[in-house]
Amino acid sequence: MLTGLEAAFFYLFAFILVGSAFMVIAARNPVHSVLFLILAFFNAAGLFLLSGAEFLALILLVVYVGAVLVLFLFVVMMLDVDFAEMKRGVLEYAPAGALVGIILLGELIVVLGGYTFTPELAKSIARPIPSLAQRSNTGALGDILYTDYLFYFEVAGLLLLVAMVGAIVLTLRHKQAVKRQSIIAQVARNPKTAVKLHDVKTGEGVS
């Protein structure tokens, strides 16, 4: 149960989160939408802190706000995109969007209904969650991640590395008029290709 002060902060964070999330889709300026999204993430991090999930709160602030959203904000500000032109014809996709929304709403109703009618499912977890007095949330998550799921964690890191290298290779474009350093050509040089001898006659220069 939440205390009076915790309940006040919960309703404050929740109210600002819902309002900022609505403004993300209602704002006409895309820069304002990004700023409202940052505000929504800050309030979501506050809700995570109230729930005792400080690791998720820090990840939300460091990764999404500190990296992804700031990068997206700079991209939106630097690119001269006509968003009014992009929004034309958006009503054509309204039926498909409404169908997806109805499906998601049905899934949420099923999940919330299952939790309401069978609350004992939350007690049937395989590993007990340690209390904050014994172990912090971040420490408990690290214990499970680097013991039981170490192999899957390393595989996920390897896949992300391959995806990053693949994206760089696919989007890299070399301009023909720009001289670039070729490490392979430098390593493969030999005296025949590196040195060129000229027989200069006396009184004549090298053209």
N, C-alpha and C. Protein backbone atom coordinates (compact mmCIF):
# COMPACT_ATOMS: atom_id res chain seq x y z
N MET A 1 0.84 -1.19 0.00
CA MET A 1 0.00 0.00 0.00
C MET A 1 0.88 1.24 0.00
N LEU A 2 0.45 2.26 -0.70
CA LEU A 2 1.17 3.51 -0.75
C LEU A 2 0.76 4.40 0.41
N THR A 3 1.73 5.09 0.96
CA THR A 3 1.43 6.05 2.01
C THR A 3 0.82 7.31 1.39
N GLY A 4 0.48 8.26 2.25
CA GLY A 4 -0.14 9.48 1.74
C GLY A 4 0.77 10.27 0.82
N LEU A 5 2.04 10.41 1.22
CA LEU A 5 2.98 11.16 0.38
C LEU A 5 3.29 10.41 -0.91
N GLU A 6 3.47 9.09 -0.83
CA GLU A 6 3.73 8.29 -2.03
C GLU A 6 2.54 8.31 -2.97
N ALA A 7 1.33 8.26 -2.41
CA ALA A 7 0.13 8.31 -3.26
C ALA A 7 0.03 9.67 -3.96
N ALA A 8 0.40 10.74 -3.25
CA ALA A 8 0.35 12.08 -3.87
C ALA A 8 1.33 12.16 -5.03
N PHE A 9 2.55 11.66 -4.84
CA PHE A 9 3.53 11.67 -5.92
C PHE A 9 3.10 10.76 -7.06
N PHE A 10 2.46 9.63 -6.73
CA PHE A 10 2.00 8.72 -7.78
C PHE A 10 0.97 9.40 -8.68
N TYR A 11 -0.01 10.04 -8.08
CA TYR A 11 -1.03 10.72 -8.88
C TYR A 11 -0.45 11.91 -9.64
N LEU A 12 0.53 12.58 -9.04
CA LEU A 12 1.18 13.70 -9.73
C LEU A 12 1.93 13.21 -10.96
N PHE A 13 2.77 12.18 -10.80
CA PHE A 13 3.52 11.62 -11.93
C PHE A 13 2.57 11.05 -12.99
N ALA A 14 1.52 10.35 -12.53
CA ALA A 14 0.60 9.73 -13.49
C ALA A 14 -0.16 10.78 -14.28
N PHE A 15 -0.59 11.85 -13.61
CA PHE A 15 -1.34 12.90 -14.31
C PHE A 15 -0.46 13.59 -15.34
N ILE A 16 0.76 13.94 -14.96
CA ILE A 16 1.66 14.60 -15.91
C ILE A 16 2.04 13.65 -17.04
N LEU A 17 2.22 12.37 -16.74
CA LEU A 17 2.58 11.38 -17.76
C LEU A 17 1.49 11.25 -18.81
N VAL A 18 0.24 11.14 -18.37
CA VAL A 18 -0.87 11.00 -19.31
C VAL A 18 -1.04 12.28 -20.14
N GLY A 19 -0.91 13.45 -19.48
CA GLY A 19 -1.04 14.70 -20.20
C GLY A 19 0.06 14.91 -21.23
N SER A 20 1.31 14.61 -20.86
CA SER A 20 2.42 14.77 -21.80
C SER A 20 2.34 13.74 -22.92
N ALA A 21 1.87 12.53 -22.64
CA ALA A 21 1.70 11.53 -23.70
C ALA A 21 0.65 11.97 -24.71
N PHE A 22 -0.42 12.61 -24.21
CA PHE A 22 -1.43 13.13 -25.14
C PHE A 22 -0.87 14.26 -25.98
N MET A 23 -0.03 15.11 -25.38
CA MET A 23 0.53 16.22 -26.13
C MET A 23 1.55 15.76 -27.16
N VAL A 24 2.14 14.58 -26.98
CA VAL A 24 3.08 14.05 -27.98
C VAL A 24 2.39 13.88 -29.32
N ILE A 25 1.16 13.39 -29.29
CA ILE A 25 0.44 13.16 -30.54
C ILE A 25 -0.42 14.35 -30.95
N ALA A 26 -0.63 15.30 -30.04
CA ALA A 26 -1.48 16.45 -30.35
C ALA A 26 -0.69 17.67 -30.77
N ALA A 27 0.59 17.75 -30.43
CA ALA A 27 1.38 18.93 -30.77
C ALA A 27 1.62 19.00 -32.27
N ARG A 28 1.54 20.19 -32.83
CA ARG A 28 1.77 20.39 -34.26
C ARG A 28 3.25 20.43 -34.60
N ASN A 29 4.04 20.98 -33.71
CA ASN A 29 5.48 21.07 -33.93
C ASN A 29 6.15 19.78 -33.48
N PRO A 30 6.92 19.11 -34.35
CA PRO A 30 7.57 17.85 -33.94
C PRO A 30 8.59 18.03 -32.83
N VAL A 31 9.23 19.20 -32.76
CA VAL A 31 10.18 19.45 -31.67
C VAL A 31 9.45 19.49 -30.34
N HIS A 32 8.27 20.09 -30.31
CA HIS A 32 7.47 20.10 -29.10
C HIS A 32 7.03 18.69 -28.72
N SER A 33 6.74 17.87 -29.71
CA SER A 33 6.37 16.48 -29.43
C SER A 33 7.52 15.73 -28.76
N VAL A 34 8.73 15.94 -29.23
CA VAL A 34 9.89 15.29 -28.62
C VAL A 34 10.09 15.78 -27.18
N LEU A 35 9.92 17.06 -26.96
CA LEU A 35 10.07 17.60 -25.61
C LEU A 35 9.01 17.04 -24.67
N PHE A 36 7.78 16.92 -25.13
CA PHE A 36 6.74 16.31 -24.31
C PHE A 36 7.03 14.83 -24.06
N LEU A 37 7.64 14.15 -25.03
CA LEU A 37 8.00 12.75 -24.84
C LEU A 37 9.09 12.61 -23.77
N ILE A 38 10.04 13.54 -23.75
CA ILE A 38 11.06 13.54 -22.70
C ILE A 38 10.41 13.75 -21.34
N LEU A 39 9.44 14.67 -21.25
CA LEU A 39 8.72 14.88 -20.00
C LEU A 39 7.96 13.62 -19.57
N ALA A 40 7.38 12.92 -20.54
CA ALA A 40 6.67 11.68 -20.23
C ALA A 40 7.62 10.62 -19.69
N PHE A 41 8.81 10.51 -20.26
CA PHE A 41 9.78 9.53 -19.78
C PHE A 41 10.27 9.87 -18.37
N PHE A 42 10.44 11.14 -18.06
CA PHE A 42 10.86 11.53 -16.72
C PHE A 42 9.80 11.13 -15.68
N ASN A 43 8.55 11.34 -16.00
CA ASN A 43 7.49 10.97 -15.06
C ASN A 43 7.33 9.46 -14.97
N ALA A 44 7.54 8.75 -16.08
CA ALA A 44 7.52 7.28 -16.02
C ALA A 44 8.65 6.76 -15.15
N ALA A 45 9.83 7.41 -15.21
CA ALA A 45 10.93 7.03 -14.33
C ALA A 45 10.57 7.26 -12.87
N GLY A 46 9.84 8.34 -12.59
CA GLY A 46 9.38 8.58 -11.23
C GLY A 46 8.43 7.49 -10.75
N LEU A 47 7.56 7.02 -11.62
CA LEU A 47 6.66 5.91 -11.25
C LEU A 47 7.44 4.63 -11.00
N PHE A 48 8.49 4.39 -11.80
CA PHE A 48 9.32 3.21 -11.57
C PHE A 48 10.02 3.29 -10.21
N LEU A 49 10.49 4.49 -9.85
CA LEU A 49 11.13 4.65 -8.54
C LEU A 49 10.15 4.39 -7.40
N LEU A 50 8.92 4.83 -7.56
CA LEU A 50 7.91 4.56 -6.52
C LEU A 50 7.62 3.07 -6.41
N SER A 51 7.76 2.34 -7.52
CA SER A 51 7.51 0.89 -7.50
C SER A 51 8.70 0.09 -7.02
N GLY A 52 9.85 0.74 -6.76
CA GLY A 52 11.03 0.03 -6.32
C GLY A 52 11.89 -0.50 -7.44
N ALA A 53 11.63 -0.11 -8.68
CA ALA A 53 12.41 -0.57 -9.83
C ALA A 53 13.34 0.56 -10.26
N GLU A 54 14.36 0.81 -9.45
CA GLU A 54 15.25 1.93 -9.76
C GLU A 54 16.11 1.66 -10.98
N PHE A 55 16.37 0.38 -11.30
CA PHE A 55 17.17 0.06 -12.48
C PHE A 55 16.43 0.48 -13.75
N LEU A 56 15.14 0.17 -13.82
CA LEU A 56 14.36 0.56 -15.00
C LEU A 56 14.26 2.08 -15.12
N ALA A 57 14.16 2.76 -13.97
CA ALA A 57 14.10 4.22 -14.01
C ALA A 57 15.40 4.81 -14.55
N LEU A 58 16.54 4.30 -14.11
CA LEU A 58 17.82 4.80 -14.60
C LEU A 58 18.02 4.48 -16.07
N ILE A 59 17.64 3.27 -16.49
CA ILE A 59 17.76 2.90 -17.90
C ILE A 59 16.89 3.80 -18.76
N LEU A 60 15.69 4.11 -18.28
CA LEU A 60 14.78 4.97 -19.03
C LEU A 60 15.36 6.36 -19.22
N LEU A 61 16.03 6.89 -18.20
CA LEU A 61 16.60 8.23 -18.28
C LEU A 61 17.90 8.24 -19.09
N VAL A 62 18.77 7.26 -18.83
CA VAL A 62 20.09 7.28 -19.47
C VAL A 62 20.00 6.90 -20.94
N VAL A 63 19.30 5.82 -21.24
CA VAL A 63 19.28 5.29 -22.61
C VAL A 63 18.31 6.09 -23.49
N TYR A 64 17.06 6.19 -23.06
CA TYR A 64 16.05 6.79 -23.93
C TYR A 64 16.13 8.32 -23.93
N VAL A 65 16.15 8.92 -22.75
CA VAL A 65 16.20 10.39 -22.70
C VAL A 65 17.58 10.90 -23.05
N GLY A 66 18.62 10.27 -22.50
CA GLY A 66 19.97 10.77 -22.71
C GLY A 66 20.56 10.47 -24.07
N ALA A 67 20.05 9.48 -24.77
CA ALA A 67 20.65 9.10 -26.05
C ALA A 67 19.65 9.16 -27.19
N VAL A 68 18.61 8.34 -27.11
CA VAL A 68 17.71 8.17 -28.25
C VAL A 68 16.93 9.46 -28.54
N LEU A 69 16.29 10.01 -27.51
CA LEU A 69 15.44 11.17 -27.74
C LEU A 69 16.25 12.42 -28.07
N VAL A 70 17.41 12.57 -27.42
CA VAL A 70 18.25 13.73 -27.75
C VAL A 70 18.73 13.64 -29.19
N LEU A 71 19.13 12.44 -29.63
CA LEU A 71 19.53 12.27 -31.02
C LEU A 71 18.37 12.55 -31.97
N PHE A 72 17.20 12.05 -31.63
CA PHE A 72 16.03 12.30 -32.46
C PHE A 72 15.69 13.78 -32.50
N LEU A 73 15.86 14.47 -31.38
CA LEU A 73 15.59 15.90 -31.33
C LEU A 73 16.54 16.67 -32.24
N PHE A 74 17.82 16.32 -32.22
CA PHE A 74 18.78 16.98 -33.10
C PHE A 74 18.48 16.69 -34.56
N VAL A 75 18.07 15.46 -34.86
CA VAL A 75 17.76 15.12 -36.26
C VAL A 75 16.56 15.92 -36.74
N VAL A 76 15.53 16.03 -35.90
CA VAL A 76 14.33 16.78 -36.29
C VAL A 76 14.65 18.25 -36.48
N MET A 77 15.53 18.79 -35.63
CA MET A 77 15.86 20.21 -35.72
C MET A 77 16.76 20.51 -36.92
N MET A 78 17.63 19.55 -37.30
CA MET A 78 18.55 19.80 -38.40
C MET A 78 17.94 19.57 -39.76
N LEU A 79 17.04 18.57 -39.88
CA LEU A 79 16.44 18.26 -41.18
C LEU A 79 15.29 19.21 -41.47
N ASP A 80 15.27 19.71 -42.67
CA ASP A 80 14.20 20.60 -43.11
C ASP A 80 13.10 19.75 -43.74
N VAL A 81 12.24 19.21 -42.88
CA VAL A 81 11.19 18.30 -43.33
C VAL A 81 9.85 19.03 -43.30
N ASP A 82 9.10 18.90 -44.36
CA ASP A 82 7.77 19.50 -44.44
C ASP A 82 6.78 18.51 -43.81
N PHE A 83 6.52 18.68 -42.52
CA PHE A 83 5.64 17.75 -41.81
C PHE A 83 4.18 17.92 -42.21
N ALA A 84 3.82 19.10 -42.68
CA ALA A 84 2.45 19.29 -43.16
C ALA A 84 2.19 18.43 -44.39
N GLU A 85 3.20 18.32 -45.25
CA GLU A 85 3.07 17.47 -46.43
C GLU A 85 3.03 16.00 -46.05
N MET A 86 3.80 15.62 -45.02
CA MET A 86 3.82 14.23 -44.59
C MET A 86 2.50 13.79 -43.98
N LYS A 87 1.79 14.75 -43.33
CA LYS A 87 0.55 14.39 -42.65
C LYS A 87 -0.63 14.29 -43.61
N ARG A 88 -0.44 14.70 -44.86
CA ARG A 88 -1.54 14.59 -45.82
C ARG A 88 -1.80 13.11 -46.15
N GLY A 89 -3.07 12.78 -46.19
CA GLY A 89 -3.43 11.40 -46.48
C GLY A 89 -3.33 10.46 -45.31
N VAL A 90 -3.14 11.02 -44.08
CA VAL A 90 -3.00 10.15 -42.92
C VAL A 90 -4.33 9.49 -42.57
N LEU A 91 -5.45 10.11 -42.96
CA LEU A 91 -6.76 9.52 -42.66
C LEU A 91 -7.01 8.23 -43.43
N GLU A 92 -6.23 7.99 -44.48
CA GLU A 92 -6.40 6.74 -45.23
C GLU A 92 -6.00 5.54 -44.39
N TYR A 93 -5.11 5.74 -43.43
CA TYR A 93 -4.65 4.65 -42.58
C TYR A 93 -5.42 4.57 -41.25
N ALA A 94 -6.46 5.41 -41.11
CA ALA A 94 -7.23 5.42 -39.87
C ALA A 94 -7.92 4.08 -39.60
N PRO A 95 -8.55 3.40 -40.59
CA PRO A 95 -9.18 2.11 -40.29
C PRO A 95 -8.18 1.06 -39.79
N ALA A 96 -7.01 0.99 -40.43
CA ALA A 96 -6.01 0.02 -39.98
C ALA A 96 -5.52 0.36 -38.57
N GLY A 97 -5.31 1.66 -38.30
CA GLY A 97 -4.89 2.06 -36.96
C GLY A 97 -5.95 1.77 -35.91
N ALA A 98 -7.23 1.99 -36.27
CA ALA A 98 -8.30 1.68 -35.33
C ALA A 98 -8.38 0.18 -35.05
N LEU A 99 -8.16 -0.65 -36.07
CA LEU A 99 -8.17 -2.09 -35.87
C LEU A 99 -7.05 -2.53 -34.92
N VAL A 100 -5.85 -1.98 -35.13
CA VAL A 100 -4.73 -2.31 -34.24
C VAL A 100 -5.02 -1.84 -32.82
N GLY A 101 -5.62 -0.65 -32.68
CA GLY A 101 -5.96 -0.14 -31.35
C GLY A 101 -6.98 -1.01 -30.65
N ILE A 102 -7.97 -1.50 -31.39
CA ILE A 102 -8.98 -2.38 -30.79
C ILE A 102 -8.34 -3.69 -30.32
N ILE A 103 -7.42 -4.23 -31.13
CA ILE A 103 -6.74 -5.48 -30.74
C ILE A 103 -5.92 -5.27 -29.47
N LEU A 104 -5.17 -4.16 -29.41
CA LEU A 104 -4.38 -3.87 -28.22
C LEU A 104 -5.27 -3.65 -27.00
N LEU A 105 -6.40 -2.97 -27.18
CA LEU A 105 -7.32 -2.77 -26.07
C LEU A 105 -7.87 -4.10 -25.57
N GLY A 106 -8.20 -5.01 -26.50
CA GLY A 106 -8.66 -6.33 -26.09
C GLY A 106 -7.60 -7.11 -25.32
N GLU A 107 -6.35 -7.01 -25.76
CA GLU A 107 -5.27 -7.70 -25.04
C GLU A 107 -5.10 -7.13 -23.63
N LEU A 108 -5.17 -5.80 -23.51
CA LEU A 108 -5.05 -5.19 -22.18
C LEU A 108 -6.20 -5.61 -21.27
N ILE A 109 -7.40 -5.71 -21.82
CA ILE A 109 -8.55 -6.14 -21.01
C ILE A 109 -8.37 -7.57 -20.55
N VAL A 110 -7.86 -8.43 -21.44
CA VAL A 110 -7.63 -9.84 -21.07
C VAL A 110 -6.57 -9.94 -19.98
N VAL A 111 -5.48 -9.17 -20.14
CA VAL A 111 -4.41 -9.22 -19.14
C VAL A 111 -4.89 -8.71 -17.79
N LEU A 112 -5.54 -7.54 -17.79
CA LEU A 112 -6.01 -6.98 -16.53
C LEU A 112 -7.10 -7.85 -15.91
N GLY A 113 -7.96 -8.42 -16.74
CA GLY A 113 -8.99 -9.32 -16.22
C GLY A 113 -8.40 -10.58 -15.60
N GLY A 114 -7.38 -11.15 -16.25
CA GLY A 114 -6.73 -12.32 -15.69
C GLY A 114 -6.03 -12.03 -14.38
N TYR A 115 -5.44 -10.84 -14.27
CA TYR A 115 -4.78 -10.48 -13.02
C TYR A 115 -5.80 -10.22 -11.92
N THR A 116 -6.95 -9.69 -12.29
CA THR A 116 -7.96 -9.39 -11.29
C THR A 116 -8.61 -10.65 -10.75
N PHE A 117 -8.91 -11.59 -11.65
CA PHE A 117 -9.64 -12.78 -11.22
C PHE A 117 -8.70 -13.86 -10.68
N THR A 118 -7.44 -13.85 -11.06
CA THR A 118 -6.49 -14.86 -10.57
C THR A 118 -5.25 -14.16 -10.04
N PRO A 119 -5.33 -13.48 -8.93
CA PRO A 119 -4.14 -12.79 -8.39
C PRO A 119 -3.08 -13.74 -7.87
N GLU A 120 -3.41 -15.03 -7.70
CA GLU A 120 -2.40 -15.97 -7.19
C GLU A 120 -1.34 -16.28 -8.23
N LEU A 121 -1.54 -15.90 -9.50
CA LEU A 121 -0.52 -16.13 -10.51
C LEU A 121 0.75 -15.34 -10.24
N ALA A 122 0.60 -14.20 -9.60
CA ALA A 122 1.78 -13.38 -9.29
C ALA A 122 2.68 -14.04 -8.26
N LYS A 123 2.13 -15.00 -7.48
CA LYS A 123 2.92 -15.68 -6.45
C LYS A 123 3.61 -16.94 -6.97
N SER A 124 3.33 -17.31 -8.21
CA SER A 124 3.88 -18.56 -8.75
C SER A 124 5.13 -18.33 -9.58
N ILE A 125 5.95 -17.37 -9.21
CA ILE A 125 7.20 -17.11 -9.93
C ILE A 125 8.23 -18.14 -9.53
N ALA A 126 9.19 -18.37 -10.43
CA ALA A 126 10.18 -19.41 -10.18
C ALA A 126 11.21 -18.99 -9.15
N ARG A 127 11.59 -17.74 -9.13
CA ARG A 127 12.64 -17.26 -8.22
C ARG A 127 12.06 -16.15 -7.34
N PRO A 128 12.19 -16.27 -6.04
CA PRO A 128 11.65 -15.22 -5.17
C PRO A 128 12.43 -13.92 -5.32
N ILE A 129 11.73 -12.82 -5.23
CA ILE A 129 12.36 -11.51 -5.33
C ILE A 129 12.91 -11.12 -3.96
N PRO A 130 14.19 -10.85 -3.83
CA PRO A 130 14.73 -10.48 -2.52
C PRO A 130 14.24 -9.10 -2.10
N SER A 131 14.16 -8.93 -0.82
CA SER A 131 13.73 -7.64 -0.29
C SER A 131 14.85 -6.62 -0.45
N LEU A 132 14.48 -5.35 -0.38
CA LEU A 132 15.47 -4.30 -0.55
C LEU A 132 16.50 -4.30 0.58
N ALA A 133 16.12 -4.85 1.75
CA ALA A 133 17.08 -4.91 2.85
C ALA A 133 18.17 -5.94 2.58
N GLN A 134 17.83 -7.01 1.84
CA GLN A 134 18.81 -8.04 1.53
C GLN A 134 19.61 -7.71 0.27
N ARG A 135 18.94 -7.26 -0.75
CA ARG A 135 19.59 -7.04 -2.04
C ARG A 135 18.84 -5.95 -2.78
N SER A 136 19.56 -5.07 -3.44
CA SER A 136 18.90 -4.03 -4.21
C SER A 136 18.30 -4.61 -5.48
N ASN A 137 17.42 -3.84 -6.08
CA ASN A 137 16.77 -4.27 -7.31
C ASN A 137 17.78 -4.48 -8.43
N THR A 138 18.74 -3.57 -8.54
CA THR A 138 19.77 -3.67 -9.57
C THR A 138 20.67 -4.88 -9.32
N GLY A 139 21.04 -5.10 -8.07
CA GLY A 139 21.89 -6.25 -7.74
C GLY A 139 21.20 -7.57 -8.01
N ALA A 140 19.91 -7.69 -7.67
CA ALA A 140 19.16 -8.92 -7.93
C ALA A 140 19.02 -9.18 -9.42
N LEU A 141 18.78 -8.12 -10.19
CA LEU A 141 18.69 -8.28 -11.64
C LEU A 141 20.02 -8.69 -12.23
N GLY A 142 21.12 -8.12 -11.72
CA GLY A 142 22.45 -8.51 -12.20
C GLY A 142 22.78 -9.96 -11.87
N ASP A 143 22.38 -10.42 -10.68
CA ASP A 143 22.62 -11.82 -10.31
C ASP A 143 21.94 -12.78 -11.27
N ILE A 144 20.69 -12.49 -11.61
CA ILE A 144 19.96 -13.38 -12.52
C ILE A 144 20.48 -13.26 -13.95
N LEU A 145 20.80 -12.03 -14.37
CA LEU A 145 21.21 -11.81 -15.75
C LEU A 145 22.56 -12.43 -16.05
N TYR A 146 23.49 -12.35 -15.10
CA TYR A 146 24.86 -12.84 -15.34
C TYR A 146 25.10 -14.24 -14.80
N THR A 147 24.05 -14.92 -14.38
CA THR A 147 24.19 -16.33 -13.96
C THR A 147 23.29 -17.23 -14.80
N ASP A 148 21.99 -17.05 -14.66
CA ASP A 148 21.05 -17.94 -15.37
C ASP A 148 20.94 -17.61 -16.86
N TYR A 149 21.07 -16.34 -17.21
CA TYR A 149 20.86 -15.92 -18.60
C TYR A 149 22.11 -15.30 -19.20
N LEU A 150 23.29 -15.75 -18.77
CA LEU A 150 24.52 -15.18 -19.28
C LEU A 150 24.70 -15.48 -20.77
N PHE A 151 24.40 -16.71 -21.19
CA PHE A 151 24.58 -17.09 -22.60
C PHE A 151 23.66 -16.27 -23.49
N TYR A 152 22.40 -16.12 -23.10
CA TYR A 152 21.46 -15.35 -23.90
C TYR A 152 21.84 -13.88 -23.92
N PHE A 153 22.40 -13.38 -22.82
CA PHE A 153 22.84 -11.99 -22.77
C PHE A 153 23.99 -11.75 -23.74
N GLU A 154 24.94 -12.67 -23.80
CA GLU A 154 26.07 -12.53 -24.72
C GLU A 154 25.61 -12.67 -26.17
N VAL A 155 24.69 -13.58 -26.44
CA VAL A 155 24.17 -13.74 -27.80
C VAL A 155 23.44 -12.47 -28.24
N ALA A 156 22.66 -11.88 -27.34
CA ALA A 156 21.96 -10.63 -27.68
C ALA A 156 22.96 -9.51 -27.97
N GLY A 157 24.03 -9.43 -27.18
CA GLY A 157 25.06 -8.43 -27.45
C GLY A 157 25.75 -8.65 -28.78
N LEU A 158 26.01 -9.91 -29.12
CA LEU A 158 26.63 -10.22 -30.41
C LEU A 158 25.72 -9.86 -31.57
N LEU A 159 24.43 -10.14 -31.43
CA LEU A 159 23.48 -9.79 -32.49
C LEU A 159 23.39 -8.28 -32.68
N LEU A 160 23.39 -7.54 -31.57
CA LEU A 160 23.36 -6.07 -31.68
C LEU A 160 24.63 -5.54 -32.34
N LEU A 161 25.78 -6.16 -32.04
CA LEU A 161 27.02 -5.72 -32.67
C LEU A 161 26.99 -5.98 -34.18
N VAL A 162 26.51 -7.16 -34.58
CA VAL A 162 26.42 -7.48 -36.01
C VAL A 162 25.44 -6.53 -36.70
N ALA A 163 24.32 -6.23 -36.04
CA ALA A 163 23.35 -5.31 -36.63
C ALA A 163 23.93 -3.91 -36.79
N MET A 164 24.71 -3.47 -35.81
CA MET A 164 25.31 -2.14 -35.91
C MET A 164 26.33 -2.08 -37.06
N VAL A 165 27.18 -3.12 -37.16
CA VAL A 165 28.16 -3.14 -38.24
C VAL A 165 27.47 -3.24 -39.60
N GLY A 166 26.42 -4.04 -39.69
CA GLY A 166 25.68 -4.17 -40.94
C GLY A 166 25.02 -2.87 -41.36
N ALA A 167 24.46 -2.13 -40.39
CA ALA A 167 23.85 -0.85 -40.72
C ALA A 167 24.89 0.15 -41.22
N ILE A 168 26.07 0.14 -40.61
CA ILE A 168 27.13 1.04 -41.06
C ILE A 168 27.59 0.69 -42.47
N VAL A 169 27.75 -0.60 -42.74
CA VAL A 169 28.22 -1.04 -44.06
C VAL A 169 27.19 -0.72 -45.14
N LEU A 170 25.91 -0.93 -44.84
CA LEU A 170 24.87 -0.70 -45.84
C LEU A 170 24.65 0.77 -46.15
N THR A 171 24.87 1.63 -45.18
CA THR A 171 24.62 3.05 -45.38
C THR A 171 25.88 3.84 -45.73
N LEU A 172 27.04 3.20 -45.75
CA LEU A 172 28.28 3.92 -46.03
C LEU A 172 28.41 4.14 -47.53
N ARG A 173 28.61 5.36 -47.92
CA ARG A 173 28.76 5.72 -49.33
C ARG A 173 30.03 6.55 -49.49
N HIS A 174 30.90 6.14 -50.43
CA HIS A 174 32.14 6.84 -50.69
C HIS A 174 31.97 7.74 -51.91
N LYS A 175 32.42 8.97 -51.79
CA LYS A 175 32.40 9.89 -52.92
C LYS A 175 33.64 9.66 -53.78
N GLN A 176 33.44 9.65 -55.08
CA GLN A 176 34.53 9.34 -55.99
C GLN A 176 35.58 10.44 -56.03
N ALA A 177 35.19 11.68 -55.84
CA ALA A 177 36.13 12.80 -55.96
C ALA A 177 36.93 13.05 -54.69
N VAL A 178 36.66 12.31 -53.62
CA VAL A 178 37.34 12.52 -52.35
C VAL A 178 38.40 11.44 -52.18
N LYS A 179 39.64 11.86 -51.88
CA LYS A 179 40.72 10.90 -51.65
C LYS A 179 40.64 10.35 -50.24
N ARG A 180 40.71 9.04 -50.11
CA ARG A 180 40.62 8.40 -48.81
C ARG A 180 41.81 7.46 -48.60
N GLN A 181 42.13 7.24 -47.38
CA GLN A 181 43.22 6.34 -47.04
C GLN A 181 42.75 4.89 -47.13
N SER A 182 43.54 4.07 -47.83
CA SER A 182 43.23 2.65 -47.98
C SER A 182 44.30 1.85 -47.23
N ILE A 183 43.91 1.32 -46.09
CA ILE A 183 44.86 0.55 -45.26
C ILE A 183 45.30 -0.71 -45.99
N ILE A 184 44.39 -1.36 -46.70
CA ILE A 184 44.71 -2.62 -47.40
C ILE A 184 45.74 -2.35 -48.49
N ALA A 185 45.57 -1.27 -49.25
CA ALA A 185 46.52 -0.94 -50.31
C ALA A 185 47.89 -0.58 -49.74
N GLN A 186 47.92 0.07 -48.59
CA GLN A 186 49.20 0.42 -47.97
C GLN A 186 49.94 -0.81 -47.47
N VAL A 187 49.22 -1.73 -46.87
CA VAL A 187 49.87 -2.94 -46.36
C VAL A 187 50.35 -3.83 -47.50
N ALA A 188 49.63 -3.83 -48.62
CA ALA A 188 49.98 -4.71 -49.75
C ALA A 188 51.08 -4.14 -50.64
N ARG A 189 51.62 -2.99 -50.34
CA ARG A 189 52.66 -2.40 -51.20
C ARG A 189 53.96 -3.19 -51.08
N ASN A 190 54.73 -3.22 -52.18
CA ASN A 190 56.04 -3.87 -52.20
C ASN A 190 57.03 -2.91 -52.87
N PRO A 191 58.30 -3.21 -52.87
CA PRO A 191 59.29 -2.29 -53.48
C PRO A 191 59.03 -2.01 -54.96
N LYS A 192 58.43 -2.94 -55.69
CA LYS A 192 58.18 -2.72 -57.11
C LYS A 192 57.13 -1.63 -57.34
N THR A 193 56.13 -1.58 -56.44
CA THR A 193 55.08 -0.58 -56.61
C THR A 193 55.35 0.69 -55.81
N ALA A 194 56.21 0.60 -54.81
CA ALA A 194 56.47 1.77 -53.96
C ALA A 194 57.59 2.65 -54.50
N VAL A 195 58.53 2.06 -55.25
CA VAL A 195 59.69 2.80 -55.74
C VAL A 195 59.69 2.76 -57.26
N LYS A 196 59.92 3.89 -57.88
CA LYS A 196 59.98 3.99 -59.32
C LYS A 196 61.29 4.69 -59.71
N LEU A 197 62.14 4.00 -60.44
CA LEU A 197 63.46 4.52 -60.81
C LEU A 197 63.40 5.21 -62.17
N HIS A 198 64.06 6.36 -62.26
CA HIS A 198 64.13 7.11 -63.51
C HIS A 198 65.60 7.32 -63.88
N ASP A 199 65.91 7.09 -65.14
CA ASP A 199 67.28 7.32 -65.65
C ASP A 199 67.33 8.74 -66.20
N VAL A 200 67.79 9.64 -65.34
CA VAL A 200 67.82 11.06 -65.71
C VAL A 200 69.15 11.35 -66.40
N LYS A 201 69.06 11.91 -67.57
CA LYS A 201 70.28 12.28 -68.32
C LYS A 201 70.83 13.60 -67.78
N THR A 202 72.12 13.75 -67.99
CA THR A 202 72.78 14.95 -67.48
C THR A 202 72.26 16.20 -68.22
N GLY A 203 71.91 17.19 -67.45
CA GLY A 203 71.41 18.43 -68.01
C GLY A 203 69.93 18.44 -68.30
N GLU A 204 69.23 17.34 -68.04
CA GLU A 204 67.79 17.26 -68.26
C GLU A 204 67.08 16.97 -66.94
N GLY A 205 65.90 17.46 -66.81
CA GLY A 205 65.14 17.24 -65.60
C GLY A 205 64.09 16.12 -65.80
N VAL A 206 63.37 15.89 -64.77
CA VAL A 206 62.31 14.88 -64.80
C VAL A 206 60.99 15.60 -65.04
N SER A 207 60.29 15.22 -66.09
CA SER A 207 59.02 15.88 -66.40
C SER A 207 57.92 15.24 -65.58
